[in-house]
N, C-alpha and C. Protein backbone atom coordinates (compact mmCIF):
# COMPACT_ATOMS: atom_id res chain seq x y z
N CYS A 1 -0.47 4.08 5.49
CA CYS A 1 0.76 3.36 5.82
C CYS A 1 1.10 3.65 7.27
N MET A 2 0.66 2.81 8.17
CA MET A 2 0.80 3.10 9.60
C MET A 2 2.25 3.16 10.03
N ARG A 3 3.02 2.16 9.71
CA ARG A 3 4.42 2.12 10.16
C ARG A 3 5.28 3.13 9.41
N GLY A 4 4.86 3.49 8.20
CA GLY A 4 5.62 4.46 7.43
C GLY A 4 5.25 5.90 7.71
N TYR A 5 4.21 6.12 8.54
CA TYR A 5 3.77 7.47 8.90
C TYR A 5 3.42 8.29 7.66
N THR A 6 2.90 7.65 6.65
CA THR A 6 2.57 8.36 5.42
C THR A 6 1.21 7.97 4.89
N LEU A 7 0.63 8.88 4.14
CA LEU A 7 -0.58 8.60 3.36
C LEU A 7 -0.13 8.49 1.91
N ALA A 8 -0.32 7.35 1.30
CA ALA A 8 0.10 7.14 -0.09
C ALA A 8 -1.07 7.45 -1.01
N ILE A 9 -0.80 8.24 -2.04
CA ILE A 9 -1.82 8.62 -3.02
C ILE A 9 -1.49 7.92 -4.33
N PHE A 10 -2.48 7.20 -4.86
CA PHE A 10 -2.29 6.43 -6.08
C PHE A 10 -3.18 6.96 -7.20
N GLY A 11 -2.75 6.72 -8.42
CA GLY A 11 -3.53 7.06 -9.60
C GLY A 11 -3.60 5.88 -10.53
N LEU A 12 -4.56 5.90 -11.43
CA LEU A 12 -4.73 4.80 -12.39
C LEU A 12 -4.32 5.29 -13.77
N SER A 13 -3.31 4.63 -14.35
CA SER A 13 -2.82 5.01 -15.67
C SER A 13 -2.66 3.75 -16.52
N ASN A 14 -3.33 3.74 -17.67
CA ASN A 14 -3.28 2.58 -18.56
C ASN A 14 -3.61 1.28 -17.81
N HIS A 15 -4.63 1.34 -16.98
CA HIS A 15 -5.10 0.19 -16.21
C HIS A 15 -4.08 -0.31 -15.20
N LYS A 16 -3.10 0.53 -14.85
CA LYS A 16 -2.11 0.18 -13.84
C LYS A 16 -2.17 1.18 -12.70
N LEU A 17 -2.10 0.66 -11.49
CA LEU A 17 -2.11 1.50 -10.30
C LEU A 17 -0.69 1.99 -10.05
N GLU A 18 -0.53 3.31 -9.97
CA GLU A 18 0.79 3.91 -9.76
C GLU A 18 0.75 4.84 -8.56
N ARG A 19 1.80 4.77 -7.75
CA ARG A 19 1.90 5.68 -6.62
C ARG A 19 2.35 7.05 -7.12
N ILE A 20 1.53 8.07 -6.81
CA ILE A 20 1.82 9.42 -7.27
C ILE A 20 2.68 10.17 -6.28
N ARG A 21 2.27 10.14 -5.01
CA ARG A 21 3.04 10.85 -3.98
C ARG A 21 2.68 10.29 -2.62
N GLU A 22 3.45 10.73 -1.62
CA GLU A 22 3.18 10.37 -0.23
C GLU A 22 3.11 11.65 0.60
N VAL A 23 2.21 11.65 1.57
CA VAL A 23 2.08 12.77 2.50
C VAL A 23 2.53 12.26 3.86
N ARG A 24 3.54 12.89 4.44
CA ARG A 24 4.10 12.42 5.70
C ARG A 24 3.42 13.09 6.89
N PHE A 25 3.31 12.33 8.00
CA PHE A 25 2.75 12.82 9.25
C PHE A 25 3.71 12.50 10.39
N GLN A 26 3.49 13.16 11.53
CA GLN A 26 4.37 12.92 12.68
C GLN A 26 4.01 11.63 13.41
N ASP A 27 2.81 11.10 13.16
CA ASP A 27 2.36 9.87 13.81
C ASP A 27 1.77 8.92 12.76
N GLN A 28 1.32 7.77 13.23
CA GLN A 28 0.82 6.75 12.31
C GLN A 28 -0.52 7.14 11.68
N CYS A 29 -0.63 6.99 10.37
CA CYS A 29 -1.91 7.19 9.69
C CYS A 29 -2.80 5.98 10.00
N VAL A 30 -4.07 6.25 10.30
CA VAL A 30 -4.94 5.15 10.70
C VAL A 30 -6.04 4.91 9.67
N GLU A 31 -6.90 5.89 9.46
CA GLU A 31 -8.03 5.72 8.53
C GLU A 31 -8.18 6.96 7.65
N VAL A 32 -8.88 6.78 6.53
CA VAL A 32 -9.08 7.85 5.56
C VAL A 32 -10.55 7.88 5.14
N ALA A 33 -11.09 9.10 4.99
CA ALA A 33 -12.42 9.29 4.39
C ALA A 33 -12.27 10.31 3.28
N VAL A 34 -12.90 10.05 2.14
CA VAL A 34 -12.79 10.94 1.00
C VAL A 34 -14.10 11.71 0.84
N GLY A 35 -13.99 13.04 0.88
CA GLY A 35 -15.15 13.90 0.70
C GLY A 35 -15.21 14.42 -0.73
N LYS A 36 -16.02 15.45 -0.93
CA LYS A 36 -16.21 16.00 -2.27
C LYS A 36 -14.96 16.72 -2.77
N GLU A 37 -14.36 17.53 -1.90
CA GLU A 37 -13.18 18.30 -2.29
C GLU A 37 -11.99 18.05 -1.39
N HIS A 38 -12.19 17.32 -0.30
CA HIS A 38 -11.13 17.13 0.68
C HIS A 38 -11.00 15.66 1.10
N VAL A 39 -9.85 15.36 1.69
CA VAL A 39 -9.57 14.04 2.23
C VAL A 39 -9.33 14.20 3.72
N TYR A 40 -9.87 13.28 4.53
CA TYR A 40 -9.80 13.36 5.98
C TYR A 40 -9.02 12.17 6.51
N VAL A 41 -8.01 12.43 7.33
CA VAL A 41 -7.10 11.39 7.80
C VAL A 41 -6.99 11.45 9.32
N THR A 42 -7.13 10.30 9.97
CA THR A 42 -6.86 10.24 11.41
C THR A 42 -5.44 9.71 11.62
N THR A 43 -4.76 10.31 12.61
CA THR A 43 -3.43 9.85 13.00
C THR A 43 -3.39 9.64 14.51
N SER A 44 -2.53 8.73 14.95
CA SER A 44 -2.42 8.43 16.37
C SER A 44 -1.01 7.95 16.69
N ASN A 45 -0.54 8.24 17.92
CA ASN A 45 0.73 7.66 18.37
C ASN A 45 0.50 6.37 19.15
N PHE A 46 -0.78 5.98 19.32
CA PHE A 46 -1.16 4.72 19.98
C PHE A 46 -0.47 4.56 21.34
N ASP A 47 -0.43 5.63 22.09
CA ASP A 47 0.17 5.58 23.43
C ASP A 47 -0.93 5.48 24.47
N ARG A 48 -0.53 5.28 25.71
CA ARG A 48 -1.46 5.19 26.83
C ARG A 48 -1.07 6.21 27.89
N PRO A 49 -2.05 6.68 28.68
CA PRO A 49 -1.71 7.56 29.79
C PRO A 49 -0.73 6.84 30.72
N PRO A 50 0.19 7.54 31.38
CA PRO A 50 0.28 9.00 31.48
C PRO A 50 1.11 9.65 30.39
N HIS A 51 1.48 8.93 29.34
CA HIS A 51 2.25 9.52 28.26
C HIS A 51 1.39 10.51 27.48
N GLU A 52 2.04 11.35 26.71
CA GLU A 52 1.32 12.31 25.88
C GLU A 52 0.53 11.58 24.81
N LEU A 53 -0.73 11.95 24.67
CA LEU A 53 -1.60 11.32 23.68
C LEU A 53 -1.71 12.22 22.46
N LEU A 54 -1.35 11.70 21.31
CA LEU A 54 -1.41 12.47 20.07
C LEU A 54 -2.38 11.80 19.13
N ASN A 55 -3.57 12.37 19.01
CA ASN A 55 -4.62 11.83 18.15
C ASN A 55 -5.26 13.00 17.41
N LYS A 56 -5.14 12.99 16.09
CA LYS A 56 -5.57 14.16 15.32
C LYS A 56 -6.40 13.77 14.10
N LEU A 57 -7.21 14.73 13.67
CA LEU A 57 -7.90 14.64 12.39
C LEU A 57 -7.30 15.70 11.48
N TRP A 58 -6.80 15.26 10.33
CA TRP A 58 -6.19 16.15 9.35
C TRP A 58 -7.13 16.31 8.17
N ILE A 59 -7.15 17.51 7.59
CA ILE A 59 -7.92 17.78 6.38
C ILE A 59 -6.93 18.15 5.28
N LEU A 60 -7.01 17.43 4.17
CA LEU A 60 -6.14 17.65 3.02
C LEU A 60 -6.98 18.00 1.81
N ASN A 61 -6.40 18.78 0.89
CA ASN A 61 -7.08 18.96 -0.38
C ASN A 61 -6.76 17.77 -1.27
N LYS A 62 -7.39 17.70 -2.43
CA LYS A 62 -7.23 16.52 -3.28
C LYS A 62 -5.81 16.38 -3.83
N SER A 63 -5.01 17.46 -3.74
CA SER A 63 -3.61 17.38 -4.17
C SER A 63 -2.71 16.81 -3.08
N GLY A 64 -3.28 16.63 -1.89
CA GLY A 64 -2.50 16.07 -0.80
C GLY A 64 -1.88 17.11 0.11
N GLN A 65 -2.23 18.38 -0.08
CA GLN A 65 -1.69 19.43 0.79
C GLN A 65 -2.53 19.52 2.06
N LYS A 66 -1.86 19.64 3.22
CA LYS A 66 -2.56 19.77 4.49
C LYS A 66 -3.21 21.14 4.59
N VAL A 67 -4.52 21.12 4.86
CA VAL A 67 -5.30 22.36 4.94
C VAL A 67 -5.60 22.72 6.38
N GLY A 68 -6.03 21.75 7.18
CA GLY A 68 -6.39 22.01 8.57
C GLY A 68 -6.15 20.78 9.43
N CYS A 69 -6.18 20.99 10.76
CA CYS A 69 -5.92 19.90 11.70
C CYS A 69 -6.60 20.23 13.02
N VAL A 70 -7.09 19.20 13.72
CA VAL A 70 -7.70 19.40 15.03
C VAL A 70 -7.33 18.23 15.94
N ASN A 71 -7.08 18.53 17.21
CA ASN A 71 -6.79 17.50 18.20
C ASN A 71 -8.11 16.84 18.59
N ILE A 72 -8.20 15.53 18.41
CA ILE A 72 -9.44 14.80 18.67
C ILE A 72 -9.70 14.63 20.17
N GLU A 73 -8.63 14.57 20.96
CA GLU A 73 -8.66 14.44 22.42
C GLU A 73 -9.07 13.05 22.91
N GLY A 74 -9.53 12.18 22.03
CA GLY A 74 -9.74 10.79 22.40
C GLY A 74 -8.43 10.04 22.25
N ASN A 75 -8.44 8.75 22.53
CA ASN A 75 -7.21 7.97 22.45
C ASN A 75 -7.37 6.79 21.50
N TRP A 76 -6.35 6.56 20.68
CA TRP A 76 -6.32 5.56 19.63
C TRP A 76 -7.45 5.83 18.63
N SER A 77 -7.40 6.97 18.00
CA SER A 77 -8.45 7.37 17.06
C SER A 77 -8.45 6.47 15.84
N LYS A 78 -9.64 6.11 15.41
CA LYS A 78 -9.78 5.14 14.32
C LYS A 78 -10.54 5.72 13.13
N VAL A 79 -11.79 5.30 12.97
CA VAL A 79 -12.57 5.59 11.78
C VAL A 79 -13.09 7.03 11.80
N VAL A 80 -13.10 7.66 10.64
CA VAL A 80 -13.70 8.98 10.51
C VAL A 80 -14.90 8.87 9.58
N ALA A 81 -16.02 9.49 9.99
CA ALA A 81 -17.24 9.53 9.17
C ALA A 81 -17.62 10.99 8.94
N LEU A 82 -18.21 11.25 7.78
CA LEU A 82 -18.61 12.60 7.40
C LEU A 82 -20.12 12.67 7.23
N ASP A 83 -20.72 13.78 7.68
CA ASP A 83 -22.15 13.94 7.45
C ASP A 83 -22.39 14.30 5.99
N GLN A 84 -23.64 14.32 5.58
CA GLN A 84 -24.00 14.50 4.18
C GLN A 84 -23.49 15.82 3.61
N ASN A 85 -23.50 16.87 4.42
CA ASN A 85 -23.07 18.19 3.96
C ASN A 85 -21.58 18.44 4.14
N GLU A 86 -20.89 17.46 4.71
CA GLU A 86 -19.46 17.56 4.97
C GLU A 86 -19.14 18.77 5.85
N GLU A 87 -19.99 18.99 6.84
CA GLU A 87 -19.76 20.05 7.81
C GLU A 87 -19.48 19.50 9.19
N LEU A 88 -19.67 18.20 9.35
CA LEU A 88 -19.48 17.55 10.63
C LEU A 88 -18.72 16.24 10.42
N ALA A 89 -17.74 15.98 11.28
CA ALA A 89 -17.01 14.72 11.23
C ALA A 89 -17.10 14.05 12.60
N ALA A 90 -17.15 12.73 12.58
CA ALA A 90 -17.13 11.95 13.81
C ALA A 90 -15.96 10.97 13.72
N VAL A 91 -15.26 10.77 14.83
CA VAL A 91 -14.12 9.84 14.88
C VAL A 91 -14.31 8.91 16.06
N SER A 92 -14.15 7.61 15.82
CA SER A 92 -14.25 6.63 16.92
C SER A 92 -12.89 6.49 17.59
N ASN A 93 -12.89 6.53 18.92
CA ASN A 93 -11.67 6.44 19.71
C ASN A 93 -11.64 5.11 20.44
N TRP A 94 -10.79 4.22 19.96
CA TRP A 94 -10.76 2.82 20.38
C TRP A 94 -10.46 2.66 21.87
N TYR A 95 -9.40 3.30 22.34
CA TYR A 95 -8.93 3.04 23.70
C TYR A 95 -9.64 3.86 24.77
N SER A 96 -10.12 5.05 24.41
CA SER A 96 -10.86 5.87 25.39
C SER A 96 -12.35 5.60 25.34
N HIS A 97 -12.79 4.71 24.43
CA HIS A 97 -14.19 4.24 24.37
C HIS A 97 -15.18 5.39 24.18
N ASP A 98 -14.88 6.27 23.23
CA ASP A 98 -15.79 7.38 22.98
C ASP A 98 -15.74 7.82 21.51
N ILE A 99 -16.64 8.74 21.18
CA ILE A 99 -16.74 9.31 19.84
C ILE A 99 -16.46 10.79 19.94
N SER A 100 -15.58 11.30 19.07
CA SER A 100 -15.32 12.74 19.01
C SER A 100 -16.09 13.33 17.84
N PHE A 101 -16.75 14.46 18.08
CA PHE A 101 -17.47 15.18 17.02
C PHE A 101 -16.75 16.49 16.74
N MET A 102 -16.46 16.75 15.46
CA MET A 102 -15.77 17.95 15.05
C MET A 102 -16.58 18.75 14.05
N ASP A 103 -16.59 20.07 14.24
CA ASP A 103 -17.15 20.99 13.25
C ASP A 103 -16.08 21.20 12.18
N ILE A 104 -16.36 20.77 10.95
CA ILE A 104 -15.40 20.89 9.86
C ILE A 104 -15.91 21.82 8.76
N SER A 105 -16.87 22.68 9.10
CA SER A 105 -17.42 23.60 8.10
C SER A 105 -16.34 24.56 7.59
N ASP A 106 -15.42 24.96 8.47
CA ASP A 106 -14.26 25.75 8.08
C ASP A 106 -13.09 24.77 7.98
N LYS A 107 -12.73 24.39 6.77
CA LYS A 107 -11.72 23.35 6.59
C LYS A 107 -10.35 23.75 7.14
N ARG A 108 -10.07 25.03 7.20
CA ARG A 108 -8.77 25.48 7.72
C ARG A 108 -8.75 25.55 9.24
N ASN A 109 -9.91 25.63 9.84
CA ASN A 109 -9.99 25.74 11.30
C ASN A 109 -11.04 24.79 11.87
N PRO A 110 -10.86 23.49 11.71
CA PRO A 110 -11.82 22.55 12.31
C PRO A 110 -11.72 22.62 13.83
N ARG A 111 -12.83 22.31 14.51
CA ARG A 111 -12.80 22.38 15.97
C ARG A 111 -13.58 21.24 16.58
N LEU A 112 -13.09 20.80 17.74
CA LEU A 112 -13.76 19.75 18.50
C LEU A 112 -15.01 20.31 19.16
N ILE A 113 -16.13 19.62 19.02
CA ILE A 113 -17.39 20.05 19.64
C ILE A 113 -17.66 19.28 20.92
N GLN A 114 -17.52 17.94 20.85
CA GLN A 114 -17.98 17.11 21.97
C GLN A 114 -17.39 15.71 21.86
N ARG A 115 -17.23 15.06 23.00
CA ARG A 115 -16.89 13.63 23.05
C ARG A 115 -18.00 12.92 23.81
N VAL A 116 -18.41 11.74 23.28
CA VAL A 116 -19.51 10.98 23.88
C VAL A 116 -19.04 9.54 24.09
N LYS A 117 -19.21 9.02 25.29
CA LYS A 117 -18.84 7.63 25.60
C LYS A 117 -19.76 6.66 24.87
N PHE A 118 -19.16 5.56 24.39
CA PHE A 118 -19.98 4.49 23.81
C PHE A 118 -19.27 3.16 23.92
N GLY A 119 -19.89 2.21 24.60
CA GLY A 119 -19.49 0.81 24.60
C GLY A 119 -18.04 0.56 24.92
N GLU A 120 -17.54 -0.53 24.35
CA GLU A 120 -16.15 -0.92 24.52
C GLU A 120 -15.48 -1.00 23.15
N ALA A 121 -14.52 -0.10 22.94
CA ALA A 121 -13.78 -0.01 21.67
C ALA A 121 -14.71 0.27 20.48
N PRO A 122 -15.34 1.46 20.44
CA PRO A 122 -16.16 1.80 19.27
C PRO A 122 -15.31 1.77 18.01
N ARG A 123 -15.88 1.26 16.93
CA ARG A 123 -15.10 1.07 15.71
C ARG A 123 -15.76 1.73 14.51
N GLY A 124 -16.78 1.07 13.93
CA GLY A 124 -17.41 1.60 12.73
C GLY A 124 -18.33 2.76 13.02
N LEU A 125 -18.41 3.70 12.07
CA LEU A 125 -19.28 4.86 12.18
C LEU A 125 -20.02 5.06 10.87
N LEU A 126 -21.28 5.51 10.97
CA LEU A 126 -22.08 5.77 9.78
C LEU A 126 -23.12 6.84 10.09
N PHE A 127 -23.04 7.97 9.38
CA PHE A 127 -24.11 8.96 9.49
C PHE A 127 -25.32 8.46 8.71
N LEU A 128 -26.48 8.50 9.35
CA LEU A 128 -27.71 7.96 8.78
C LEU A 128 -28.47 9.04 8.02
N PRO A 129 -29.40 8.65 7.15
CA PRO A 129 -30.17 9.63 6.38
C PRO A 129 -30.91 10.65 7.25
N ASP A 130 -31.31 10.25 8.48
CA ASP A 130 -32.04 11.18 9.34
C ASP A 130 -31.10 12.07 10.16
N GLY A 131 -29.79 11.96 9.93
CA GLY A 131 -28.83 12.81 10.63
C GLY A 131 -28.21 12.17 11.86
N GLY A 132 -28.73 11.02 12.29
CA GLY A 132 -28.16 10.33 13.43
C GLY A 132 -26.85 9.64 13.06
N LEU A 133 -26.16 9.13 14.07
CA LEU A 133 -24.90 8.43 13.85
C LEU A 133 -25.01 7.01 14.39
N MET A 134 -24.67 6.03 13.56
CA MET A 134 -24.66 4.63 13.95
C MET A 134 -23.23 4.23 14.30
N VAL A 135 -23.07 3.46 15.38
CA VAL A 135 -21.75 3.07 15.87
C VAL A 135 -21.72 1.56 16.09
N SER A 136 -20.61 0.92 15.75
CA SER A 136 -20.43 -0.50 16.09
C SER A 136 -19.41 -0.61 17.21
N GLY A 137 -19.72 -1.44 18.21
CA GLY A 137 -18.80 -1.68 19.31
C GLY A 137 -17.98 -2.93 19.05
N PHE A 138 -16.67 -2.77 18.89
CA PHE A 138 -15.81 -3.90 18.51
C PHE A 138 -15.80 -4.98 19.59
N TYR A 139 -15.58 -4.60 20.85
CA TYR A 139 -15.56 -5.57 21.94
C TYR A 139 -16.90 -5.67 22.66
N SER A 140 -17.72 -4.62 22.63
CA SER A 140 -19.02 -4.70 23.29
C SER A 140 -20.04 -5.44 22.44
N ALA A 141 -19.69 -5.74 21.18
CA ALA A 141 -20.51 -6.58 20.30
C ALA A 141 -21.93 -6.07 20.15
N ASN A 142 -22.06 -4.76 19.96
CA ASN A 142 -23.40 -4.20 19.80
C ASN A 142 -23.39 -3.01 18.84
N ILE A 143 -24.60 -2.54 18.57
CA ILE A 143 -24.81 -1.37 17.71
C ILE A 143 -25.46 -0.28 18.55
N GLY A 144 -25.06 0.95 18.30
CA GLY A 144 -25.67 2.08 19.00
C GLY A 144 -26.05 3.17 18.02
N ILE A 145 -27.02 3.98 18.44
CA ILE A 145 -27.43 5.15 17.66
C ILE A 145 -27.26 6.38 18.53
N LEU A 146 -26.63 7.41 17.98
CA LEU A 146 -26.49 8.69 18.66
C LEU A 146 -27.30 9.72 17.90
N LYS A 147 -27.97 10.59 18.64
CA LYS A 147 -28.76 11.66 18.04
C LYS A 147 -28.33 13.00 18.62
N ARG A 148 -28.56 14.04 17.86
CA ARG A 148 -28.19 15.39 18.29
C ARG A 148 -29.43 16.14 18.73
N ASN A 149 -29.35 16.73 19.92
CA ASN A 149 -30.45 17.58 20.40
C ASN A 149 -29.88 18.95 20.76
N ASN A 150 -30.65 19.76 21.45
CA ASN A 150 -30.22 21.12 21.77
C ASN A 150 -29.00 21.18 22.67
N SER A 151 -28.78 20.15 23.46
CA SER A 151 -27.65 20.14 24.38
C SER A 151 -26.44 19.36 23.83
N GLY A 152 -26.56 18.80 22.62
CA GLY A 152 -25.45 18.08 22.00
C GLY A 152 -25.82 16.66 21.63
N TRP A 153 -24.82 15.83 21.40
CA TRP A 153 -25.02 14.45 20.99
C TRP A 153 -25.19 13.55 22.20
N GLU A 154 -26.08 12.55 22.08
CA GLU A 154 -26.26 11.58 23.15
C GLU A 154 -26.65 10.24 22.55
N VAL A 155 -26.35 9.17 23.29
CA VAL A 155 -26.72 7.82 22.87
C VAL A 155 -28.22 7.64 23.13
N THR A 156 -28.97 7.30 22.08
CA THR A 156 -30.42 7.12 22.22
C THR A 156 -30.85 5.67 22.08
N TYR A 157 -29.93 4.83 21.58
CA TYR A 157 -30.28 3.42 21.41
C TYR A 157 -29.02 2.57 21.52
N ILE A 158 -29.13 1.44 22.23
CA ILE A 158 -28.06 0.45 22.29
C ILE A 158 -28.68 -0.92 22.10
N SER A 159 -28.19 -1.68 21.13
CA SER A 159 -28.73 -3.02 20.87
C SER A 159 -28.24 -4.00 21.93
N ASN A 160 -28.87 -5.15 21.97
CA ASN A 160 -28.34 -6.25 22.76
C ASN A 160 -27.04 -6.74 22.12
N GLU A 161 -26.26 -7.51 22.86
CA GLU A 161 -25.07 -8.10 22.28
C GLU A 161 -25.46 -9.04 21.15
N PHE A 162 -24.66 -9.08 20.11
CA PHE A 162 -24.93 -9.93 18.97
C PHE A 162 -24.47 -11.35 19.23
N ASP A 163 -25.38 -12.25 19.54
CA ASP A 163 -25.07 -13.68 19.56
C ASP A 163 -23.84 -13.98 20.41
N ARG A 164 -23.81 -13.45 21.65
CA ARG A 164 -22.60 -13.52 22.48
C ARG A 164 -22.16 -14.96 22.76
N ALA A 165 -23.09 -15.87 22.95
CA ALA A 165 -22.71 -17.24 23.29
C ALA A 165 -21.89 -17.90 22.17
N LYS A 166 -22.22 -17.56 20.93
CA LYS A 166 -21.52 -18.17 19.80
C LYS A 166 -20.54 -17.20 19.14
N TYR A 167 -20.51 -15.98 19.63
CA TYR A 167 -19.81 -14.91 18.92
C TYR A 167 -18.31 -15.06 19.00
N GLN A 168 -17.67 -15.22 17.85
CA GLN A 168 -16.22 -15.34 17.78
C GLN A 168 -15.58 -14.18 17.02
N GLY A 169 -16.38 -13.23 16.59
CA GLY A 169 -15.86 -12.14 15.77
C GLY A 169 -16.11 -10.79 16.42
N ASN A 170 -15.72 -9.77 15.71
CA ASN A 170 -15.88 -8.41 16.20
C ASN A 170 -16.40 -7.54 15.07
N MET A 171 -17.41 -6.73 15.36
CA MET A 171 -17.99 -5.86 14.35
C MET A 171 -17.05 -4.71 14.05
N ARG A 172 -16.93 -4.41 12.77
CA ARG A 172 -15.98 -3.37 12.36
C ARG A 172 -16.68 -2.26 11.59
N HIS A 173 -16.69 -2.34 10.28
CA HIS A 173 -17.17 -1.22 9.47
C HIS A 173 -18.68 -1.26 9.25
N LEU A 174 -19.23 -0.07 9.00
CA LEU A 174 -20.65 0.09 8.70
C LEU A 174 -20.79 0.78 7.35
N VAL A 175 -21.68 0.25 6.52
CA VAL A 175 -21.92 0.83 5.20
C VAL A 175 -23.42 0.91 4.98
N LEU A 176 -23.88 2.04 4.45
CA LEU A 176 -25.30 2.20 4.16
C LEU A 176 -25.61 1.53 2.82
N ALA A 177 -26.65 0.69 2.80
CA ALA A 177 -27.06 0.02 1.56
C ALA A 177 -27.63 1.05 0.59
N PRO A 178 -27.59 0.76 -0.73
CA PRO A 178 -28.11 1.70 -1.72
C PRO A 178 -29.56 2.12 -1.49
N ASP A 179 -30.37 1.23 -0.88
CA ASP A 179 -31.76 1.58 -0.63
C ASP A 179 -31.92 2.54 0.56
N GLN A 180 -30.84 2.79 1.27
CA GLN A 180 -30.81 3.68 2.45
C GLN A 180 -31.79 3.23 3.53
N LYS A 181 -32.15 1.96 3.50
CA LYS A 181 -33.05 1.41 4.52
C LYS A 181 -32.31 0.48 5.47
N ASN A 182 -31.16 -0.01 5.03
CA ASN A 182 -30.40 -0.97 5.84
C ASN A 182 -28.92 -0.58 5.89
N ALA A 183 -28.27 -0.99 6.98
CA ALA A 183 -26.83 -0.84 7.11
C ALA A 183 -26.21 -2.23 7.08
N LEU A 184 -25.04 -2.33 6.47
CA LEU A 184 -24.29 -3.57 6.44
C LEU A 184 -23.17 -3.46 7.46
N VAL A 185 -23.06 -4.47 8.33
CA VAL A 185 -22.08 -4.47 9.41
C VAL A 185 -21.10 -5.60 9.15
N THR A 186 -19.84 -5.27 8.89
CA THR A 186 -18.86 -6.31 8.61
C THR A 186 -18.36 -6.93 9.90
N ASN A 187 -17.87 -8.15 9.78
CA ASN A 187 -17.51 -8.95 10.94
C ASN A 187 -16.11 -9.51 10.78
N LEU A 188 -15.25 -9.27 11.75
CA LEU A 188 -13.91 -9.84 11.74
C LEU A 188 -13.94 -11.13 12.56
N GLY A 189 -13.65 -12.24 11.94
CA GLY A 189 -13.60 -13.51 12.66
C GLY A 189 -14.76 -14.43 12.36
N ARG A 190 -15.89 -13.86 11.94
CA ARG A 190 -17.05 -14.71 11.64
C ARG A 190 -17.28 -14.87 10.15
N ASN A 191 -16.57 -14.08 9.34
CA ASN A 191 -16.73 -14.15 7.88
C ASN A 191 -18.19 -13.99 7.48
N MET A 192 -18.81 -12.95 8.03
CA MET A 192 -20.22 -12.72 7.73
C MET A 192 -20.52 -11.23 7.77
N VAL A 193 -21.70 -10.87 7.27
CA VAL A 193 -22.18 -9.49 7.29
C VAL A 193 -23.56 -9.47 7.93
N HIS A 194 -23.75 -8.62 8.92
CA HIS A 194 -25.08 -8.41 9.49
C HIS A 194 -25.80 -7.36 8.67
N ILE A 195 -27.10 -7.53 8.50
CA ILE A 195 -27.92 -6.50 7.85
C ILE A 195 -28.84 -5.93 8.91
N TRP A 196 -28.75 -4.61 9.09
CA TRP A 196 -29.42 -3.95 10.20
C TRP A 196 -30.32 -2.84 9.65
N SER A 197 -31.60 -2.87 10.00
CA SER A 197 -32.53 -1.84 9.52
C SER A 197 -32.23 -0.51 10.19
N VAL A 198 -32.17 0.55 9.38
CA VAL A 198 -31.95 1.89 9.93
C VAL A 198 -33.23 2.74 9.87
N GLN A 199 -34.33 2.11 9.47
CA GLN A 199 -35.59 2.84 9.42
C GLN A 199 -36.17 2.96 10.81
N LYS A 200 -36.93 4.03 11.03
CA LYS A 200 -37.56 4.24 12.35
C LYS A 200 -38.64 3.22 12.59
C-alpha cells in the first residue's frame, strides 16, 4: 500500500480473503518478495537530490515483525530478488539507474555490498540457476546479465534494444519458467510476454 505506508497481510478463510494485519513504515512500500521464513520489503520516499533519499530493504518474519533493515543507497528502489539460498538480495533502483546487492545471511544485520550501474531505469530482477542476475531495463528496453567474480558484481551481457522502432511498451518483471531454461519478460503497453533463453 504505497500511499498508506503499510504492508497489508491477508489470510484465506473459508475461501474468503481477509486482511489480518498491517505493518506500518515511515515511507511508501514498493515491492515484496517472500522467502522461506522471511518477507522482504522495499520502501522509498521517492525524492530527488538534493533532498534526503530514503530507500531501504526491510526484513520481516512471517508474523509481520520487523527483524532487520538496510539502507539501499540507490534512489527509487523497486523490485527485490533473492538468491536460491536466501543469503543475497538484489534491489533495482529506478532513478539512480543501478542495482544494489545486499548480504542478507544475517537477517538481523543485513548489509550493503555493492551498487552496479545498469541501463536506464532497471526494473525486473531474476537470479538465474547459474547464480547470475538477469535485469530488465524499463526505459533502455533491453536485458542484461550480471555475474559475480572475485572483485564483485559486473555487467557481462547487454542485449540490443527490443524492437525499438515499433516498441510502445516497457519491460517490467522477470520470471523463470518451470524448465529453468527460459525467462518470461512481461511488457507494459504491448500486452505481450517475451521468452528469453537463459541457457549458456
